[in-house]
Amino acid sequence: MEIKRCVRCGGFFETANEVCNICVQKDNKDLGKLKNFLDGYSIGKVTKKDVSANTGITMKNLNRFLAGEEFAGVHIPETIESNVDKVEKVIVKV
């Protein structure tokens, strides 16, 4: 195994994961918060900033989670366009 740097806390560790053993527990807790939040907003007006503010998940970790396979097909916009023609205000589950 190689020594890696935890993407969450920055500490060095030796494992096959992208986060250290301590941060795995934090990730699992945050993932639970994210799933619960998204269940309430299957079709709603929400941005990544809204999700972060309501769950306490940092934008860095939120983007990391959403890039994973578990959330493939889920799109949460960074911002909401004020133009009525571009209504990309909803979470889209594909």
N, C-alpha and C. Protein backbone atom coordinates (compact mmCIF):
# COMPACT_ATOMS: atom_id res chain seq x y z
N MET A 1 0.84 -1.19 0.00
CA MET A 1 0.00 0.00 0.00
C MET A 1 0.88 1.25 0.00
N GLU A 2 0.32 2.29 -0.53
CA GLU A 2 1.07 3.53 -0.58
C GLU A 2 0.53 4.52 0.46
N ILE A 3 1.37 5.47 0.79
CA ILE A 3 0.94 6.52 1.72
C ILE A 3 0.24 7.59 0.91
N LYS A 4 -0.95 7.98 1.37
CA LYS A 4 -1.76 8.97 0.67
C LYS A 4 -2.06 10.14 1.60
N ARG A 5 -2.57 11.21 1.02
CA ARG A 5 -3.01 12.37 1.79
C ARG A 5 -4.54 12.38 1.76
N CYS A 6 -5.15 12.44 2.92
CA CYS A 6 -6.61 12.44 3.04
C CYS A 6 -7.18 13.68 2.35
N VAL A 7 -8.16 13.47 1.46
CA VAL A 7 -8.76 14.60 0.74
C VAL A 7 -9.64 15.45 1.65
N ARG A 8 -10.00 14.92 2.79
CA ARG A 8 -10.86 15.67 3.70
C ARG A 8 -10.06 16.47 4.73
N CYS A 9 -9.12 15.83 5.43
CA CYS A 9 -8.40 16.52 6.51
C CYS A 9 -6.96 16.87 6.16
N GLY A 10 -6.44 16.26 5.10
CA GLY A 10 -5.08 16.55 4.68
C GLY A 10 -4.01 15.72 5.38
N GLY A 11 -4.43 14.87 6.30
CA GLY A 11 -3.48 14.02 7.02
C GLY A 11 -2.98 12.88 6.13
N PHE A 12 -1.82 12.36 6.47
CA PHE A 12 -1.26 11.24 5.72
C PHE A 12 -1.72 9.92 6.34
N PHE A 13 -1.96 8.94 5.49
CA PHE A 13 -2.43 7.65 5.96
C PHE A 13 -2.07 6.58 4.94
N GLU A 14 -2.24 5.33 5.33
CA GLU A 14 -1.93 4.22 4.44
C GLU A 14 -3.18 3.35 4.31
N THR A 15 -3.82 3.43 3.16
CA THR A 15 -5.01 2.65 2.87
C THR A 15 -5.37 2.80 1.40
N ALA A 16 -6.36 2.08 0.95
CA ALA A 16 -6.80 2.18 -0.45
C ALA A 16 -7.87 3.26 -0.64
N ASN A 17 -8.40 3.79 0.45
CA ASN A 17 -9.45 4.81 0.36
C ASN A 17 -8.88 6.18 0.03
N GLU A 18 -9.75 7.13 -0.26
CA GLU A 18 -9.30 8.50 -0.51
C GLU A 18 -9.32 9.35 0.76
N VAL A 19 -9.93 8.81 1.82
CA VAL A 19 -9.94 9.51 3.11
C VAL A 19 -9.40 8.59 4.19
N CYS A 20 -8.87 9.19 5.25
CA CYS A 20 -8.31 8.40 6.35
C CYS A 20 -9.44 7.73 7.15
N ASN A 21 -9.06 6.81 8.02
CA ASN A 21 -10.05 6.06 8.80
C ASN A 21 -10.91 6.96 9.68
N ILE A 22 -10.34 8.03 10.19
CA ILE A 22 -11.11 8.97 11.03
C ILE A 22 -12.15 9.69 10.19
N CYS A 23 -11.75 10.11 9.00
CA CYS A 23 -12.65 10.87 8.14
C CYS A 23 -13.71 10.01 7.45
N VAL A 24 -13.50 8.70 7.39
CA VAL A 24 -14.52 7.81 6.83
C VAL A 24 -15.81 7.96 7.62
N GLN A 25 -15.71 8.03 8.95
CA GLN A 25 -16.90 8.19 9.79
C GLN A 25 -17.57 9.54 9.53
N LYS A 26 -16.76 10.59 9.36
CA LYS A 26 -17.31 11.91 9.07
C LYS A 26 -18.00 11.91 7.71
N ASP A 27 -17.37 11.26 6.72
CA ASP A 27 -17.98 11.16 5.39
C ASP A 27 -19.32 10.44 5.45
N ASN A 28 -19.36 9.33 6.18
CA ASN A 28 -20.61 8.57 6.29
C ASN A 28 -21.72 9.41 6.92
N LYS A 29 -21.37 10.19 7.92
CA LYS A 29 -22.35 11.07 8.56
C LYS A 29 -22.85 12.13 7.58
N ASP A 30 -21.91 12.76 6.86
CA ASP A 30 -22.28 13.78 5.88
C ASP A 30 -23.09 13.20 4.73
N LEU A 31 -22.74 12.00 4.29
CA LEU A 31 -23.51 11.35 3.22
C LEU A 31 -24.95 11.08 3.66
N GLY A 32 -25.13 10.71 4.90
CA GLY A 32 -26.48 10.52 5.44
C GLY A 32 -27.27 11.81 5.42
N LYS A 33 -26.62 12.91 5.83
CA LYS A 33 -27.28 14.22 5.80
C LYS A 33 -27.66 14.60 4.37
N LEU A 34 -26.75 14.35 3.43
CA LEU A 34 -27.01 14.70 2.03
C LEU A 34 -28.17 13.90 1.47
N LYS A 35 -28.18 12.61 1.73
CA LYS A 35 -29.28 11.76 1.24
C LYS A 35 -30.62 12.20 1.82
N ASN A 36 -30.65 12.48 3.11
CA ASN A 36 -31.89 12.94 3.74
C ASN A 36 -32.35 14.26 3.14
N PHE A 37 -31.43 15.16 2.92
CA PHE A 37 -31.78 16.46 2.34
C PHE A 37 -32.33 16.29 0.92
N LEU A 38 -31.66 15.47 0.11
CA LEU A 38 -32.10 15.28 -1.27
C LEU A 38 -33.45 14.58 -1.36
N ASP A 39 -33.76 13.72 -0.40
CA ASP A 39 -35.07 13.06 -0.38
C ASP A 39 -36.19 14.08 -0.27
N GLY A 40 -35.95 15.16 0.45
CA GLY A 40 -36.96 16.20 0.61
C GLY A 40 -37.02 17.17 -0.55
N TYR A 41 -36.05 17.08 -1.46
CA TYR A 41 -35.99 18.03 -2.58
C TYR A 41 -35.86 17.30 -3.91
N SER A 42 -36.64 16.26 -4.11
CA SER A 42 -36.53 15.54 -5.38
C SER A 42 -36.88 16.44 -6.56
N ILE A 43 -37.84 17.32 -6.37
CA ILE A 43 -38.13 18.33 -7.39
C ILE A 43 -38.34 19.63 -6.65
N GLY A 44 -37.30 20.42 -6.58
CA GLY A 44 -37.38 21.68 -5.86
C GLY A 44 -36.33 22.64 -6.35
N LYS A 45 -36.36 23.82 -5.81
CA LYS A 45 -35.43 24.86 -6.21
C LYS A 45 -34.32 24.94 -5.18
N VAL A 46 -33.16 24.42 -5.55
CA VAL A 46 -32.06 24.36 -4.61
C VAL A 46 -30.73 24.43 -5.36
N THR A 47 -29.75 25.07 -4.75
CA THR A 47 -28.40 25.13 -5.31
C THR A 47 -27.45 24.40 -4.38
N LYS A 48 -26.21 24.23 -4.83
CA LYS A 48 -25.22 23.59 -3.97
C LYS A 48 -25.00 24.41 -2.70
N LYS A 49 -25.08 25.72 -2.83
CA LYS A 49 -24.93 26.58 -1.66
C LYS A 49 -26.05 26.33 -0.66
N ASP A 50 -27.28 26.13 -1.15
CA ASP A 50 -28.41 25.82 -0.29
C ASP A 50 -28.19 24.50 0.45
N VAL A 51 -27.72 23.49 -0.29
CA VAL A 51 -27.47 22.18 0.30
C VAL A 51 -26.42 22.30 1.39
N SER A 52 -25.33 23.00 1.07
CA SER A 52 -24.25 23.19 2.04
C SER A 52 -24.74 23.91 3.29
N ALA A 53 -25.49 24.97 3.10
CA ALA A 53 -25.99 25.75 4.24
C ALA A 53 -26.95 24.95 5.11
N ASN A 54 -27.77 24.12 4.50
CA ASN A 54 -28.77 23.37 5.25
C ASN A 54 -28.25 22.08 5.87
N THR A 55 -27.15 21.55 5.36
CA THR A 55 -26.63 20.29 5.88
C THR A 55 -25.35 20.46 6.69
N GLY A 56 -24.65 21.57 6.47
CA GLY A 56 -23.37 21.78 7.14
C GLY A 56 -22.22 21.10 6.41
N ILE A 57 -22.47 20.54 5.25
CA ILE A 57 -21.43 19.89 4.44
C ILE A 57 -20.69 20.99 3.67
N THR A 58 -19.36 20.96 3.74
CA THR A 58 -18.59 21.97 3.02
C THR A 58 -18.78 21.79 1.52
N MET A 59 -18.58 22.88 0.78
CA MET A 59 -18.70 22.81 -0.67
C MET A 59 -17.69 21.83 -1.25
N LYS A 60 -16.50 21.78 -0.70
CA LYS A 60 -15.46 20.85 -1.17
C LYS A 60 -15.95 19.41 -1.05
N ASN A 61 -16.48 19.06 0.11
CA ASN A 61 -16.96 17.69 0.31
C ASN A 61 -18.23 17.42 -0.48
N LEU A 62 -19.11 18.41 -0.58
CA LEU A 62 -20.33 18.24 -1.36
C LEU A 62 -19.99 17.93 -2.81
N ASN A 63 -19.08 18.70 -3.40
CA ASN A 63 -18.67 18.44 -4.78
C ASN A 63 -18.02 17.07 -4.93
N ARG A 64 -17.25 16.66 -3.94
CA ARG A 64 -16.61 15.34 -3.97
C ARG A 64 -17.65 14.24 -3.92
N PHE A 65 -18.65 14.39 -3.06
CA PHE A 65 -19.72 13.39 -2.96
C PHE A 65 -20.52 13.31 -4.26
N LEU A 66 -20.90 14.46 -4.79
CA LEU A 66 -21.72 14.49 -6.00
C LEU A 66 -20.98 13.95 -7.23
N ALA A 67 -19.66 13.97 -7.19
CA ALA A 67 -18.86 13.44 -8.30
C ALA A 67 -18.76 11.91 -8.25
N GLY A 68 -19.16 11.33 -7.13
CA GLY A 68 -19.06 9.88 -6.97
C GLY A 68 -20.17 9.14 -7.67
N GLU A 69 -19.98 7.84 -7.82
CA GLU A 69 -20.95 6.98 -8.51
C GLU A 69 -22.31 6.97 -7.83
N GLU A 70 -22.33 7.10 -6.53
CA GLU A 70 -23.58 7.03 -5.77
C GLU A 70 -24.58 8.11 -6.20
N PHE A 71 -24.06 9.25 -6.65
CA PHE A 71 -24.91 10.36 -7.05
C PHE A 71 -24.86 10.62 -8.55
N ALA A 72 -24.49 9.61 -9.32
CA ALA A 72 -24.48 9.75 -10.77
C ALA A 72 -25.89 10.09 -11.24
N GLY A 73 -26.01 11.06 -12.09
CA GLY A 73 -27.31 11.47 -12.59
C GLY A 73 -27.98 12.56 -11.77
N VAL A 74 -27.40 12.91 -10.63
CA VAL A 74 -27.96 13.99 -9.81
C VAL A 74 -27.21 15.26 -10.16
N HIS A 75 -27.95 16.26 -10.59
CA HIS A 75 -27.34 17.55 -10.92
C HIS A 75 -27.93 18.62 -10.02
N ILE A 76 -27.06 19.27 -9.28
CA ILE A 76 -27.46 20.41 -8.45
C ILE A 76 -26.65 21.60 -8.96
N PRO A 77 -27.31 22.63 -9.44
CA PRO A 77 -26.58 23.77 -10.01
C PRO A 77 -25.83 24.56 -8.95
N GLU A 78 -24.74 25.22 -9.40
CA GLU A 78 -23.98 26.10 -8.52
C GLU A 78 -24.81 27.32 -8.15
N THR A 79 -25.46 27.88 -9.14
CA THR A 79 -26.28 29.07 -8.94
C THR A 79 -27.59 28.90 -9.71
N ILE A 80 -28.52 29.76 -9.41
CA ILE A 80 -29.80 29.76 -10.11
C ILE A 80 -29.82 30.96 -11.04
N GLU A 81 -30.10 30.70 -12.31
CA GLU A 81 -30.20 31.77 -13.29
C GLU A 81 -31.46 32.58 -13.01
N SER A 82 -31.33 33.88 -13.11
CA SER A 82 -32.50 34.73 -12.89
C SER A 82 -33.32 34.85 -14.16
N ASN A 83 -32.78 34.43 -15.29
CA ASN A 83 -33.48 34.48 -16.56
C ASN A 83 -34.57 33.40 -16.56
N VAL A 84 -35.80 33.79 -16.83
CA VAL A 84 -36.93 32.87 -16.80
C VAL A 84 -36.79 31.79 -17.86
N ASP A 85 -36.13 32.10 -18.99
CA ASP A 85 -35.96 31.11 -20.05
C ASP A 85 -35.03 29.97 -19.64
N LYS A 86 -34.16 30.23 -18.68
CA LYS A 86 -33.21 29.22 -18.23
C LYS A 86 -33.58 28.78 -16.82
N VAL A 87 -34.59 27.96 -16.72
CA VAL A 87 -35.04 27.50 -15.41
C VAL A 87 -34.34 26.18 -15.10
N GLU A 88 -33.14 26.30 -14.55
CA GLU A 88 -32.38 25.13 -14.12
C GLU A 88 -32.30 25.17 -12.62
N LYS A 89 -33.46 25.29 -11.99
CA LYS A 89 -33.55 25.48 -10.56
C LYS A 89 -33.86 24.20 -9.82
N VAL A 90 -33.91 23.10 -10.51
CA VAL A 90 -34.34 21.88 -9.86
C VAL A 90 -33.22 20.85 -9.84
N ILE A 91 -33.29 20.00 -8.86
CA ILE A 91 -32.42 18.83 -8.84
C ILE A 91 -32.98 17.85 -9.85
N VAL A 92 -32.15 17.37 -10.71
CA VAL A 92 -32.61 16.45 -11.73
C VAL A 92 -32.02 15.08 -11.44
N LYS A 93 -32.87 14.13 -11.12
CA LYS A 93 -32.42 12.75 -10.91
C LYS A 93 -32.70 11.98 -12.19
N VAL A 94 -31.63 11.48 -12.81
CA VAL A 94 -31.76 10.77 -14.08
C VAL A 94 -31.76 9.28 -13.83
